């Protein structure tokens, strides 16, 4: 299952943006972060796909969710204007953003290309 991420979790597990200007990724495995809201239809369609991917890539990729309603500051830091938006965070490289409820195959392609993780 995907794990809900609060601002304090984010600062601890992903990146402390309050004390660092430069991206400084804290995780030792690649991360996919889904920015969503409960009222968002496409977000609801994406949720079971991300849950599946979370199982399929267990131990290789961590998948988190950020509720944009509850975590408005976190959403603003990454300039989230539309949801769903997914932030792909590879180890040792800058993160990349993808927007929209992408099909599973396309998310898997981004995991392979950006996160450099094979199934």
PDB file of N, CA and C in Angstrom:
ATOM      1  N   UNK A   1       0.835  -1.198   0.000  1.00  0.00           N
ATOM      2  CA  UNK A   1       0.000   0.000   0.000  1.00  0.00           C
ATOM      3  C   UNK A   1       0.872   1.251   0.000  1.00  0.00           C
ATOM      4  N   UNK A   2       0.324   2.285  -0.591  1.00  0.00           N
ATOM      5  CA  UNK A   2       1.030   3.562  -0.581  1.00  0.00           C
ATOM      6  C   UNK A   2       0.912   4.180   0.810  1.00  0.00           C
ATOM      7  N   UNK A   3       1.886   4.970   1.171  1.00  0.00           N
ATOM      8  CA  UNK A   3       1.948   5.561   2.509  1.00  0.00           C
ATOM      9  C   UNK A   3       1.673   7.053   2.428  1.00  0.00           C
ATOM     10  N   UNK A   4       0.832   7.557   3.331  1.00  0.00           N
ATOM     11  CA  UNK A   4       0.518   8.981   3.368  1.00  0.00           C
ATOM     12  C   UNK A   4       1.708   9.740   3.956  1.00  0.00           C
ATOM     13  N   UNK A   5       2.046  10.853   3.334  1.00  0.00           N
ATOM     14  CA  UNK A   5       3.207  11.639   3.733  1.00  0.00           C
ATOM     15  C   UNK A   5       2.745  13.007   4.224  1.00  0.00           C
ATOM     16  N   UNK A   6       3.120  13.370   5.449  1.00  0.00           N
ATOM     17  CA  UNK A   6       2.857  14.714   5.960  1.00  0.00           C
ATOM     18  C   UNK A   6       4.105  15.564   5.726  1.00  0.00           C
ATOM     19  N   UNK A   7       3.993  16.854   6.002  1.00  0.00           N
ATOM     20  CA  UNK A   7       5.151  17.725   5.831  1.00  0.00           C
ATOM     21  C   UNK A   7       6.325  17.239   6.682  1.00  0.00           C
ATOM     22  N   UNK A   8       6.069  16.893   7.956  1.00  0.00           N
ATOM     23  CA  UNK A   8       7.178  16.464   8.822  1.00  0.00           C
ATOM     24  C   UNK A   8       7.800  15.158   8.309  1.00  0.00           C
ATOM     25  N   UNK A   9       6.953  14.222   7.800  1.00  0.00           N
ATOM     26  CA  UNK A   9       7.481  12.991   7.197  1.00  0.00           C
ATOM     27  C   UNK A   9       8.355  13.336   5.996  1.00  0.00           C
ATOM     28  N   UNK A  10       7.864  14.256   5.167  1.00  0.00           N
ATOM     29  CA  UNK A  10       8.583  14.646   3.957  1.00  0.00           C
ATOM     30  C   UNK A  10       9.961  15.216   4.313  1.00  0.00           C
ATOM     31  N   UNK A  11       9.983  16.118   5.287  1.00  0.00           N
ATOM     32  CA  UNK A  11      11.251  16.745   5.689  1.00  0.00           C
ATOM     33  C   UNK A  11      12.239  15.697   6.208  1.00  0.00           C
ATOM     34  N   UNK A  12      11.714  14.679   6.895  1.00  0.00           N
ATOM     35  CA  UNK A  12      12.558  13.641   7.480  1.00  0.00           C
ATOM     36  C   UNK A  12      12.998  12.589   6.458  1.00  0.00           C
ATOM     37  N   UNK A  13      12.081  12.146   5.589  1.00  0.00           N
ATOM     38  CA  UNK A  13      12.350  10.996   4.709  1.00  0.00           C
ATOM     39  C   UNK A  13      12.800  11.359   3.298  1.00  0.00           C
ATOM     40  N   UNK A  14      12.386  12.541   2.810  1.00  0.00           N
ATOM     41  CA  UNK A  14      12.623  12.862   1.407  1.00  0.00           C
ATOM     42  C   UNK A  14      13.629  14.005   1.244  1.00  0.00           C
ATOM     43  N   UNK A  15      13.253  15.207   1.730  1.00  0.00           N
ATOM     44  CA  UNK A  15      14.086  16.387   1.490  1.00  0.00           C
ATOM     45  C   UNK A  15      13.696  17.481   2.474  1.00  0.00           C
ATOM     46  N   UNK A  16      14.681  18.025   3.170  1.00  0.00           N
ATOM     47  CA  UNK A  16      14.442  19.118   4.108  1.00  0.00           C
ATOM     48  C   UNK A  16      14.567  20.442   3.361  1.00  0.00           C
ATOM     49  N   UNK A  17      13.462  20.873   2.736  1.00  0.00           N
ATOM     50  CA  UNK A  17      13.492  22.084   1.921  1.00  0.00           C
ATOM     51  C   UNK A  17      13.551  23.354   2.771  1.00  0.00           C
ATOM     52  N   UNK A  18      13.279  23.243   4.065  1.00  0.00           N
ATOM     53  CA  UNK A  18      13.343  24.433   4.921  1.00  0.00           C
ATOM     54  C   UNK A  18      14.787  24.849   5.188  1.00  0.00           C
ATOM     55  N   UNK A  19      15.707  23.885   5.163  1.00  0.00           N
ATOM     56  CA  UNK A  19      17.102  24.184   5.483  1.00  0.00           C
ATOM     57  C   UNK A  19      18.057  23.989   4.313  1.00  0.00           C
ATOM     58  N   UNK A  20      17.539  23.602   3.159  1.00  0.00           N
ATOM     59  CA  UNK A  20      18.390  23.386   1.980  1.00  0.00           C
ATOM     60  C   UNK A  20      17.764  24.015   0.750  1.00  0.00           C
ATOM     61  N   UNK A  21      18.562  24.767   0.013  1.00  0.00           N
ATOM     62  CA  UNK A  21      18.083  25.327  -1.253  1.00  0.00           C
ATOM     63  C   UNK A  21      18.245  24.282  -2.365  1.00  0.00           C
ATOM     64  N   UNK A  22      19.374  23.583  -2.316  1.00  0.00           N
ATOM     65  CA  UNK A  22      19.664  22.564  -3.325  1.00  0.00           C
ATOM     66  C   UNK A  22      18.978  21.263  -2.965  1.00  0.00           C
ATOM     67  N   UNK A  23      18.489  20.550  -3.984  1.00  0.00           N
ATOM     68  CA  UNK A  23      17.840  19.249  -3.767  1.00  0.00           C
ATOM     69  C   UNK A  23      18.816  18.318  -3.081  1.00  0.00           C
ATOM     70  N   UNK A  24      18.405  17.756  -1.951  1.00  0.00           N
ATOM     71  CA  UNK A  24      19.247  16.841  -1.189  1.00  0.00           C
ATOM     72  C   UNK A  24      18.368  15.675  -0.747  1.00  0.00           C
ATOM     73  N   UNK A  25      18.316  14.652  -1.576  1.00  0.00           N
ATOM     74  CA  UNK A  25      17.407  13.521  -1.395  1.00  0.00           C
ATOM     75  C   UNK A  25      17.905  12.616  -0.276  1.00  0.00           C
ATOM     76  N   UNK A  26      17.027  12.317   0.695  1.00  0.00           N
ATOM     77  CA  UNK A  26      17.431  11.558   1.878  1.00  0.00           C
ATOM     78  C   UNK A  26      17.217  10.053   1.761  1.00  0.00           C
ATOM     79  N   UNK A  27      16.395   9.626   0.820  1.00  0.00           N
ATOM     80  CA  UNK A  27      16.050   8.204   0.750  1.00  0.00           C
ATOM     81  C   UNK A  27      17.147   7.414   0.045  1.00  0.00           C
ATOM     82  N   UNK A  28      17.307   6.155   0.449  1.00  0.00           N
ATOM     83  CA  UNK A  28      18.305   5.303  -0.211  1.00  0.00           C
ATOM     84  C   UNK A  28      17.678   4.486  -1.346  1.00  0.00           C
ATOM     85  N   UNK A  29      16.368   4.599  -1.521  1.00  0.00           N
ATOM     86  CA  UNK A  29      15.700   3.981  -2.675  1.00  0.00           C
ATOM     87  C   UNK A  29      14.888   5.058  -3.394  1.00  0.00           C
ATOM     88  N   UNK A  30      14.676   4.894  -4.706  1.00  0.00           N
ATOM     89  CA  UNK A  30      13.885   5.875  -5.441  1.00  0.00           C
ATOM     90  C   UNK A  30      12.470   5.987  -4.870  1.00  0.00           C
ATOM     91  N   UNK A  31      11.883   7.160  -5.063  1.00  0.00           N
ATOM     92  CA  UNK A  31      10.563   7.449  -4.498  1.00  0.00           C
ATOM     93  C   UNK A  31       9.653   8.041  -5.561  1.00  0.00           C
ATOM     94  N   UNK A  32       8.391   7.635  -5.525  1.00  0.00           N
ATOM     95  CA  UNK A  32       7.339   8.243  -6.338  1.00  0.00           C
ATOM     96  C   UNK A  32       6.347   8.861  -5.351  1.00  0.00           C
ATOM     97  N   UNK A  33       6.059  10.158  -5.516  1.00  0.00           N
ATOM     98  CA  UNK A  33       5.120  10.838  -4.626  1.00  0.00           C
ATOM     99  C   UNK A  33       3.919  11.299  -5.444  1.00  0.00           C
ATOM    100  N   UNK A  34       2.748  10.848  -5.039  1.00  0.00           N
ATOM    101  CA  UNK A  34       1.492  11.200  -5.697  1.00  0.00           C
ATOM    102  C   UNK A  34       0.842  12.348  -4.928  1.00  0.00           C
ATOM    103  N   UNK A  35       0.707  13.509  -5.593  1.00  0.00           N
ATOM    104  CA  UNK A  35      -0.021  14.639  -5.010  1.00  0.00           C
ATOM    105  C   UNK A  35      -1.471  14.503  -5.446  1.00  0.00           C
ATOM    106  N   UNK A  36      -2.389  14.399  -4.480  1.00  0.00           N
ATOM    107  CA  UNK A  36      -3.788  14.094  -4.791  1.00  0.00           C
ATOM    108  C   UNK A  36      -4.731  14.866  -3.857  1.00  0.00           C
ATOM    109  N   UNK A  37      -6.034  14.752  -4.126  1.00  0.00           N
ATOM    110  CA  UNK A  37      -7.072  15.239  -3.204  1.00  0.00           C
ATOM    111  C   UNK A  37      -8.222  14.242  -3.222  1.00  0.00           C
ATOM    112  N   UNK A  38      -8.912  14.134  -2.104  1.00  0.00           N
ATOM    113  CA  UNK A  38     -10.003  13.165  -1.989  1.00  0.00           C
ATOM    114  C   UNK A  38     -11.132  13.413  -2.989  1.00  0.00           C
ATOM    115  N   UNK A  39     -11.353  14.685  -3.357  1.00  0.00           N
ATOM    116  CA  UNK A  39     -12.462  15.022  -4.251  1.00  0.00           C
ATOM    117  C   UNK A  39     -12.112  14.841  -5.733  1.00  0.00           C
ATOM    118  N   UNK A  40     -10.882  14.515  -6.031  1.00  0.00           N
ATOM    119  CA  UNK A  40     -10.392  14.465  -7.423  1.00  0.00           C
ATOM    120  C   UNK A  40     -10.681  13.100  -8.059  1.00  0.00           C
ATOM    121  N   UNK A  41     -11.530  13.086  -9.080  1.00  0.00           N
ATOM    122  CA  UNK A  41     -11.882  11.845  -9.779  1.00  0.00           C
ATOM    123  C   UNK A  41     -10.687  11.105 -10.362  1.00  0.00           C
ATOM    124  N   UNK A  42      -9.862  11.787 -11.174  1.00  0.00           N
ATOM    125  CA  UNK A  42      -8.683  11.106 -11.740  1.00  0.00           C
ATOM    126  C   UNK A  42      -7.735  10.570 -10.663  1.00  0.00           C
ATOM    127  N   UNK A  43      -7.658  11.260  -9.515  1.00  0.00           N
ATOM    128  CA  UNK A  43      -6.810  10.786  -8.403  1.00  0.00           C
ATOM    129  C   UNK A  43      -7.329   9.451  -7.884  1.00  0.00           C
ATOM    130  N   UNK A  44      -8.660   9.346  -7.798  1.00  0.00           N
ATOM    131  CA  UNK A  44      -9.271   8.103  -7.311  1.00  0.00           C
ATOM    132  C   UNK A  44      -9.011   6.956  -8.274  1.00  0.00           C
ATOM    133  N   UNK A  45      -8.969   7.254  -9.586  1.00  0.00           N
ATOM    134  CA  UNK A  45      -8.672   6.212 -10.581  1.00  0.00           C
ATOM    135  C   UNK A  45      -7.210   5.776 -10.489  1.00  0.00           C
ATOM    136  N   UNK A  46      -6.345   6.707 -10.148  1.00  0.00           N
ATOM    137  CA  UNK A  46      -4.909   6.433 -10.079  1.00  0.00           C
ATOM    138  C   UNK A  46      -4.528   5.639  -8.825  1.00  0.00           C
ATOM    139  N   UNK A  47      -5.267   5.839  -7.727  1.00  0.00           N
ATOM    140  CA  UNK A  47      -4.913   5.233  -6.431  1.00  0.00           C
ATOM    141  C   UNK A  47      -4.709   3.720  -6.489  1.00  0.00           C
ATOM    142  N   UNK A  48      -5.645   2.932  -7.072  1.00  0.00           N
ATOM    143  CA  UNK A  48      -5.414   1.476  -7.094  1.00  0.00           C
ATOM    144  C   UNK A  48      -4.216   1.073  -7.958  1.00  0.00           C
ATOM    145  N   UNK A  49      -3.930   1.850  -8.996  1.00  0.00           N
ATOM    146  CA  UNK A  49      -2.760   1.584  -9.847  1.00  0.00           C
ATOM    147  C   UNK A  49      -1.491   1.766  -9.021  1.00  0.00           C
ATOM    148  N   UNK A  50      -1.433   2.840  -8.239  1.00  0.00           N
ATOM    149  CA  UNK A  50      -0.251   3.089  -7.407  1.00  0.00           C
ATOM    150  C   UNK A  50      -0.123   2.044  -6.310  1.00  0.00           C
ATOM    151  N   UNK A  51      -1.260   1.583  -5.777  1.00  0.00           N
ATOM    152  CA  UNK A  51      -1.211   0.509  -4.775  1.00  0.00           C
ATOM    153  C   UNK A  51      -0.619  -0.763  -5.385  1.00  0.00           C
ATOM    154  N   UNK A  52      -1.031  -1.075  -6.623  1.00  0.00           N
ATOM    155  CA  UNK A  52      -0.477  -2.252  -7.337  1.00  0.00           C
ATOM    156  C   UNK A  52       1.027  -2.090  -7.530  1.00  0.00           C
ATOM    157  N   UNK A  53       1.429  -0.925  -8.016  1.00  0.00           N
ATOM    158  CA  UNK A  53       2.850  -0.672  -8.274  1.00  0.00           C
ATOM    159  C   UNK A  53       3.651  -0.743  -6.976  1.00  0.00           C
ATOM    160  N   UNK A  54       3.052  -0.291  -5.891  1.00  0.00           N
ATOM    161  CA  UNK A  54       3.703  -0.340  -4.583  1.00  0.00           C
ATOM    162  C   UNK A  54       4.041  -1.786  -4.213  1.00  0.00           C
ATOM    163  N   UNK A  55       3.138  -2.705  -4.518  1.00  0.00           N
ATOM    164  CA  UNK A  55       3.388  -4.131  -4.266  1.00  0.00           C
ATOM    165  C   UNK A  55       4.418  -4.702  -5.238  1.00  0.00           C
ATOM    166  N   UNK A  56       4.265  -4.355  -6.520  1.00  0.00           N
ATOM    167  CA  UNK A  56       5.134  -4.916  -7.562  1.00  0.00           C
ATOM    168  C   UNK A  56       6.583  -4.443  -7.435  1.00  0.00           C
ATOM    169  N   UNK A  57       6.779  -3.242  -6.914  1.00  0.00           N
ATOM    170  CA  UNK A  57       8.130  -2.690  -6.783  1.00  0.00           C
ATOM    171  C   UNK A  57       8.584  -2.654  -5.323  1.00  0.00           C
ATOM    172  N   UNK A  58       7.953  -3.468  -4.480  1.00  0.00           N
ATOM    173  CA  UNK A  58       8.264  -3.490  -3.047  1.00  0.00           C
ATOM    174  C   UNK A  58       9.775  -3.697  -2.844  1.00  0.00           C
ATOM    175  N   UNK A  59      10.369  -2.829  -2.022  1.00  0.00           N
ATOM    176  CA  UNK A  59      11.794  -2.921  -1.751  1.00  0.00           C
ATOM    177  C   UNK A  59      12.661  -2.209  -2.780  1.00  0.00           C
ATOM    178  N   UNK A  60      12.057  -1.843  -3.932  1.00  0.00           N
ATOM    179  CA  UNK A  60      12.826  -1.172  -4.997  1.00  0.00           C
ATOM    180  C   UNK A  60      12.439   0.293  -5.156  1.00  0.00           C
ATOM    181  N   UNK A  61      11.158   0.599  -4.943  1.00  0.00           N
ATOM    182  CA  UNK A  61      10.642   1.966  -5.058  1.00  0.00           C
ATOM    183  C   UNK A  61       9.641   2.176  -3.931  1.00  0.00           C
ATOM    184  N   UNK A  62       9.752   3.325  -3.244  1.00  0.00           N
ATOM    185  CA  UNK A  62       8.763   3.676  -2.234  1.00  0.00           C
ATOM    186  C   UNK A  62       7.740   4.600  -2.885  1.00  0.00           C
ATOM    187  N   UNK A  63       6.461   4.313  -2.645  1.00  0.00           N
ATOM    188  CA  UNK A  63       5.406   5.153  -3.208  1.00  0.00           C
ATOM    189  C   UNK A  63       4.638   5.806  -2.066  1.00  0.00           C
ATOM    190  N   UNK A  64       4.619   7.147  -2.105  1.00  0.00           N
ATOM    191  CA  UNK A  64       3.947   7.936  -1.078  1.00  0.00           C
ATOM    192  C   UNK A  64       2.825   8.754  -1.708  1.00  0.00           C
ATOM    193  N   UNK A  65       1.883   9.198  -0.858  1.00  0.00           N
ATOM    194  CA  UNK A  65       0.810  10.088  -1.278  1.00  0.00           C
ATOM    195  C   UNK A  65       0.859  11.339  -0.416  1.00  0.00           C
ATOM    196  N   UNK A  66       0.602  12.498  -1.051  1.00  0.00           N
ATOM    197  CA  UNK A  66       0.495  13.754  -0.325  1.00  0.00           C
ATOM    198  C   UNK A  66      -0.886  14.340  -0.617  1.00  0.00           C
ATOM    199  N   UNK A  67      -1.673  14.537   0.446  1.00  0.00           N
ATOM    200  CA  UNK A  67      -2.997  15.143   0.325  1.00  0.00           C
ATOM    201  C   UNK A  67      -2.802  16.654   0.167  1.00  0.00           C
ATOM    202  N   UNK A  68      -3.088  17.171  -1.030  1.00  0.00           N
ATOM    203  CA  UNK A  68      -2.826  18.587  -1.319  1.00  0.00           C
ATOM    204  C   UNK A  68      -3.700  19.523  -0.483  1.00  0.00           C
ATOM    205  N   UNK A  69      -4.844  19.026  -0.015  1.00  0.00           N
ATOM    206  CA  UNK A  69      -5.714  19.854   0.833  1.00  0.00           C
ATOM    207  C   UNK A  69      -5.097  20.007   2.221  1.00  0.00           C
ATOM    208  N   UNK A  70      -4.581  18.915   2.771  1.00  0.00           N
ATOM    209  CA  UNK A  70      -4.009  18.933   4.119  1.00  0.00           C
ATOM    210  C   UNK A  70      -2.592  19.513   4.124  1.00  0.00           C
ATOM    211  N   UNK A  71      -1.868  19.326   3.031  1.00  0.00           N
ATOM    212  CA  UNK A  71      -0.446  19.728   2.969  1.00  0.00           C
ATOM    213  C   UNK A  71      -0.251  20.808   1.903  1.00  0.00           C
ATOM    214  N   UNK A  72      -0.893  21.966   2.114  1.00  0.00           N
ATOM    215  CA  UNK A  72      -0.847  23.024   1.097  1.00  0.00           C
ATOM    216  C   UNK A  72       0.544  23.618   0.928  1.00  0.00           C
ATOM    217  N   UNK A  73       1.291  23.719   2.020  1.00  0.00           N
ATOM    218  CA  UNK A  73       2.650  24.263   1.923  1.00  0.00           C
ATOM    219  C   UNK A  73       3.529  23.348   1.076  1.00  0.00           C
ATOM    220  N   UNK A  74       3.441  22.049   1.333  1.00  0.00           N
ATOM    221  CA  UNK A  74       4.219  21.066   0.576  1.00  0.00           C
ATOM    222  C   UNK A  74       3.862  21.137  -0.911  1.00  0.00           C
ATOM    223  N   UNK A  75       2.575  21.264  -1.209  1.00  0.00           N
ATOM    224  CA  UNK A  75       2.123  21.374  -2.593  1.00  0.00           C
ATOM    225  C   UNK A  75       2.673  22.644  -3.239  1.00  0.00           C
ATOM    226  N   UNK A  76       2.693  23.742  -2.485  1.00  0.00           N
ATOM    227  CA  UNK A  76       3.196  25.015  -3.016  1.00  0.00           C
ATOM    228  C   UNK A  76       4.691  24.943  -3.306  1.00  0.00           C
ATOM    229  N   UNK A  77       5.450  24.257  -2.433  1.00  0.00           N
ATOM    230  CA  UNK A  77       6.899  24.136  -2.618  1.00  0.00           C
ATOM    231  C   UNK A  77       7.207  23.513  -3.989  1.00  0.00           C
ATOM    232  N   UNK A  78       6.366  22.552  -4.412  1.00  0.00           N
ATOM    233  CA  UNK A  78       6.597  21.882  -5.692  1.00  0.00           C
ATOM    234  C   UNK A  78       5.732  22.447  -6.820  1.00  0.00           C
ATOM    235  N   UNK A  79       5.070  23.556  -6.555  1.00  0.00           N
ATOM    236  CA  UNK A  79       4.297  24.233  -7.596  1.00  0.00           C
ATOM    237  C   UNK A  79       3.170  23.391  -8.160  1.00  0.00           C
ATOM    238  N   UNK A  80       2.516  22.617  -7.302  1.00  0.00           N
ATOM    239  CA  UNK A  80       1.427  21.763  -7.765  1.00  0.00           C
ATOM    240  C   UNK A  80       0.230  22.633  -8.123  1.00  0.00           C
ATOM    241  N   UNK A  81      -0.136  22.653  -9.406  1.00  0.00           N
ATOM    242  CA  UNK A  81      -1.271  23.444  -9.878  1.00  0.00           C
ATOM    243  C   UNK A  81      -2.420  22.549 -10.327  1.00  0.00           C
ATOM    244  N   UNK A  82      -2.091  21.335 -10.709  1.00  0.00           N
ATOM    245  CA  UNK A  82      -3.133  20.395 -11.134  1.00  0.00           C
ATOM    246  C   UNK A  82      -2.844  19.042 -10.497  1.00  0.00           C
ATOM    247  N   UNK A  83      -3.915  18.313 -10.235  1.00  0.00           N
ATOM    248  CA  UNK A  83      -3.752  16.983  -9.648  1.00  0.00           C
ATOM    249  C   UNK A  83      -4.531  15.984 -10.486  1.00  0.00           C
ATOM    250  N   UNK A  84      -4.111  14.733 -10.528  1.00  0.00           N
ATOM    251  CA  UNK A  84      -2.939  14.232  -9.823  1.00  0.00           C
ATOM    252  C   UNK A  84      -1.630  14.680 -10.482  1.00  0.00           C
ATOM    253  N   UNK A  85      -0.625  14.890  -9.667  1.00  0.00           N
ATOM    254  CA  UNK A  85       0.738  15.139 -10.120  1.00  0.00           C
ATOM    255  C   UNK A  85       1.630  14.161  -9.381  1.00  0.00           C
ATOM    256  N   UNK A  86       2.582  13.583 -10.096  1.00  0.00           N
ATOM    257  CA  UNK A  86       3.495  12.619  -9.483  1.00  0.00           C
ATOM    258  C   UNK A  86       4.924  13.127  -9.582  1.00  0.00           C
ATOM    259  N   UNK A  87       5.611  13.104  -8.448  1.00  0.00           N
ATOM    260  CA  UNK A  87       7.006  13.504  -8.398  1.00  0.00           C
ATOM    261  C   UNK A  87       7.852  12.234  -8.336  1.00  0.00           C
ATOM    262  N   UNK A  88       8.704  12.051  -9.339  1.00  0.00           N
ATOM    263  CA  UNK A  88       9.595  10.886  -9.408  1.00  0.00           C
ATOM    264  C   UNK A  88      10.963  11.326  -8.913  1.00  0.00           C
ATOM    265  N   UNK A  89      11.442  10.707  -7.824  1.00  0.00           N
ATOM    266  CA  UNK A  89      12.699  11.101  -7.186  1.00  0.00           C
ATOM    267  C   UNK A  89      13.725   9.978  -7.290  1.00  0.00           C
ATOM    268  N   UNK A  90      14.599  10.043  -8.285  1.00  0.00           N
ATOM    269  CA  UNK A  90      15.658   9.029  -8.378  1.00  0.00           C
ATOM    270  C   UNK A  90      16.750   9.321  -7.344  1.00  0.00           C
ATOM    271  N   UNK A  91      17.513   8.315  -6.984  1.00  0.00           N
ATOM    272  CA  UNK A  91      18.639   8.507  -6.070  1.00  0.00           C
ATOM    273  C   UNK A  91      19.775   9.155  -6.865  1.00  0.00           C
ATOM    274  N   UNK A  92      20.307  10.266  -6.358  1.00  0.00           N
ATOM    275  CA  UNK A  92      21.469  10.896  -6.979  1.00  0.00           C
ATOM    276  C   UNK A  92      21.173  11.804  -8.161  1.00  0.00           C
ATOM    277  N   UNK A  93      19.897  12.027  -8.478  1.00  0.00           N
ATOM    278  CA  UNK A  93      19.541  12.934  -9.576  1.00  0.00           C
ATOM    279  C   UNK A  93      18.380  13.809  -9.144  1.00  0.00           C
ATOM    280  N   UNK A  94      18.124  14.854  -9.919  1.00  0.00           N
ATOM    281  CA  UNK A  94      17.010  15.747  -9.608  1.00  0.00           C
ATOM    282  C   UNK A  94      15.676  15.060  -9.884  1.00  0.00           C
ATOM    283  N   UNK A  95      14.651  15.427  -9.109  1.00  0.00           N
ATOM    284  CA  UNK A  95      13.329  14.831  -9.320  1.00  0.00           C
ATOM    285  C   UNK A  95      12.678  15.352 -10.595  1.00  0.00           C
ATOM    286  N   UNK A  96      11.733  14.584 -11.112  1.00  0.00           N
ATOM    287  CA  UNK A  96      10.976  14.990 -12.293  1.00  0.00           C
ATOM    288  C   UNK A  96       9.493  14.821 -12.005  1.00  0.00           C
ATOM    289  N   UNK A  97       8.691  15.754 -12.555  1.00  0.00           N
ATOM    290  CA  UNK A  97       7.255  15.757 -12.301  1.00  0.00           C
ATOM    291  C   UNK A  97       6.504  15.255 -13.530  1.00  0.00           C
ATOM    292  N   UNK A  98       5.444  14.493 -13.279  1.00  0.00           N
ATOM    293  CA  UNK A  98       4.520  14.078 -14.340  1.00  0.00           C
ATOM    294  C   UNK A  98       3.113  14.446 -13.881  1.00  0.00           C
ATOM    295  N   UNK A  99       2.283  14.902 -14.813  1.00  0.00           N
ATOM    296  CA  UNK A  99       0.941  15.361 -14.464  1.00  0.00           C
ATOM    297  C   UNK A  99      -0.121  14.473 -15.100  1.00  0.00           C
ATOM    298  N   UNK A 100      -1.231  14.315 -14.368  1.00  0.00           N
ATOM    299  CA  UNK A 100      -2.370  13.577 -14.905  1.00  0.00           C
ATOM    300  C   UNK A 100      -2.412  12.139 -14.429  1.00  0.00           C
ATOM    301  N   UNK A 101      -3.574  11.525 -14.623  1.00  0.00           N
ATOM    302  CA  UNK A 101      -3.768  10.122 -14.255  1.00  0.00           C
ATOM    303  C   UNK A 101      -3.228   9.254 -15.387  1.00  0.00           C
ATOM    304  N   UNK A 102      -1.939   9.000 -15.354  1.00  0.00           N
ATOM    305  CA  UNK A 102      -1.286   8.245 -16.415  1.00  0.00           C
ATOM    306  C   UNK A 102      -1.644   6.764 -16.313  1.00  0.00           C
ATOM    307  N   UNK A 103      -1.673   6.068 -17.453  1.00  0.00           N
ATOM    308  CA  UNK A 103      -1.899   4.625 -17.397  1.00  0.00           C
ATOM    309  C   UNK A 103      -0.708   3.916 -16.739  1.00  0.00           C
ATOM    310  N   UNK A 104      -0.981   2.756 -16.171  1.00  0.00           N
ATOM    311  CA  UNK A 104       0.040   1.991 -15.449  1.00  0.00           C
ATOM    312  C   UNK A 104       1.291   1.776 -16.303  1.00  0.00           C
ATOM    313  N   UNK A 105       1.101   1.442 -17.574  1.00  0.00           N
ATOM    314  CA  UNK A 105       2.261   1.172 -18.443  1.00  0.00           C
ATOM    315  C   UNK A 105       3.163   2.398 -18.572  1.00  0.00           C
ATOM    316  N   UNK A 106       2.553   3.580 -18.617  1.00  0.00           N
ATOM    317  CA  UNK A 106       3.348   4.804 -18.747  1.00  0.00           C
ATOM    318  C   UNK A 106       4.092   5.105 -17.441  1.00  0.00           C
ATOM    319  N   UNK A 107       3.447   4.859 -16.316  1.00  0.00           N
ATOM    320  CA  UNK A 107       4.121   5.053 -15.019  1.00  0.00           C
ATOM    321  C   UNK A 107       5.292   4.078 -14.902  1.00  0.00           C
ATOM    322  N   UNK A 108       5.087   2.832 -15.335  1.00  0.00           N
ATOM    323  CA  UNK A 108       6.172   1.843 -15.298  1.00  0.00           C
ATOM    324  C   UNK A 108       7.336   2.281 -16.186  1.00  0.00           C
ATOM    325  N   UNK A 109       7.025   2.899 -17.313  1.00  0.00           N
ATOM    326  CA  UNK A 109       8.073   3.397 -18.216  1.00  0.00           C
ATOM    327  C   UNK A 109       8.870   4.506 -17.545  1.00  0.00           C
ATOM    328  N   UNK A 110       8.174   5.405 -16.839  1.00  0.00           N
ATOM    329  CA  UNK A 110       8.858   6.497 -16.134  1.00  0.00           C
ATOM    330  C   UNK A 110       9.704   5.921 -14.987  1.00  0.00           C
ATOM    331  N   UNK A 111       9.181   4.915 -14.306  1.00  0.00           N
ATOM    332  CA  UNK A 111       9.960   4.264 -13.239  1.00  0.00           C
ATOM    333  C   UNK A 111      11.251   3.688 -13.828  1.00  0.00           C
ATOM    334  N   UNK A 112      11.148   3.083 -14.991  1.00  0.00           N
ATOM    335  CA  UNK A 112      12.330   2.509 -15.650  1.00  0.00           C
ATOM    336  C   UNK A 112      13.287   3.610 -16.125  1.00  0.00           C
ATOM    337  N   UNK A 113      12.755   4.661 -16.771  1.00  0.00           N
ATOM    338  CA  UNK A 113      13.591   5.698 -17.383  1.00  0.00           C
ATOM    339  C   UNK A 113      14.166   6.693 -16.372  1.00  0.00           C
ATOM    340  N   UNK A 114      13.321   7.163 -15.457  1.00  0.00           N
ATOM    341  CA  UNK A 114      13.729   8.218 -14.522  1.00  0.00           C
ATOM    342  C   UNK A 114      14.307   7.636 -13.236  1.00  0.00           C
ATOM    343  N   UNK A 115      13.603   6.647 -12.669  1.00  0.00           N
ATOM    344  CA  UNK A 115      14.066   6.072 -11.417  1.00  0.00           C
ATOM    345  C   UNK A 115      15.102   4.966 -11.630  1.00  0.00           C
ATOM    346  N   UNK A 116      15.250   4.537 -12.871  1.00  0.00           N
ATOM    347  CA  UNK A 116      16.233   3.515 -13.256  1.00  0.00           C
ATOM    348  C   UNK A 116      16.005   2.201 -12.489  1.00  0.00           C
ATOM    349  N   UNK A 117      14.719   1.809 -12.387  1.00  0.00           N
ATOM    350  CA  UNK A 117      14.360   0.598 -11.666  1.00  0.00           C
ATOM    351  C   UNK A 117      13.586  -0.323 -12.587  1.00  0.00           C
ATOM    352  N   UNK A 118      14.047  -1.560 -12.683  1.00  0.00           N
ATOM    353  CA  UNK A 118      13.330  -2.569 -13.454  1.00  0.00           C
ATOM    354  C   UNK A 118      12.519  -3.421 -12.485  1.00  0.00           C
ATOM    355  N   UNK A 119      11.480  -4.020 -13.017  1.00  0.00           N
ATOM    356  CA  UNK A 119      10.617  -4.883 -12.161  1.00  0.00           C
ATOM    357  C   UNK A 119      11.383  -6.081 -11.660  1.00  0.00           C
TER     358      UNK A 119
END
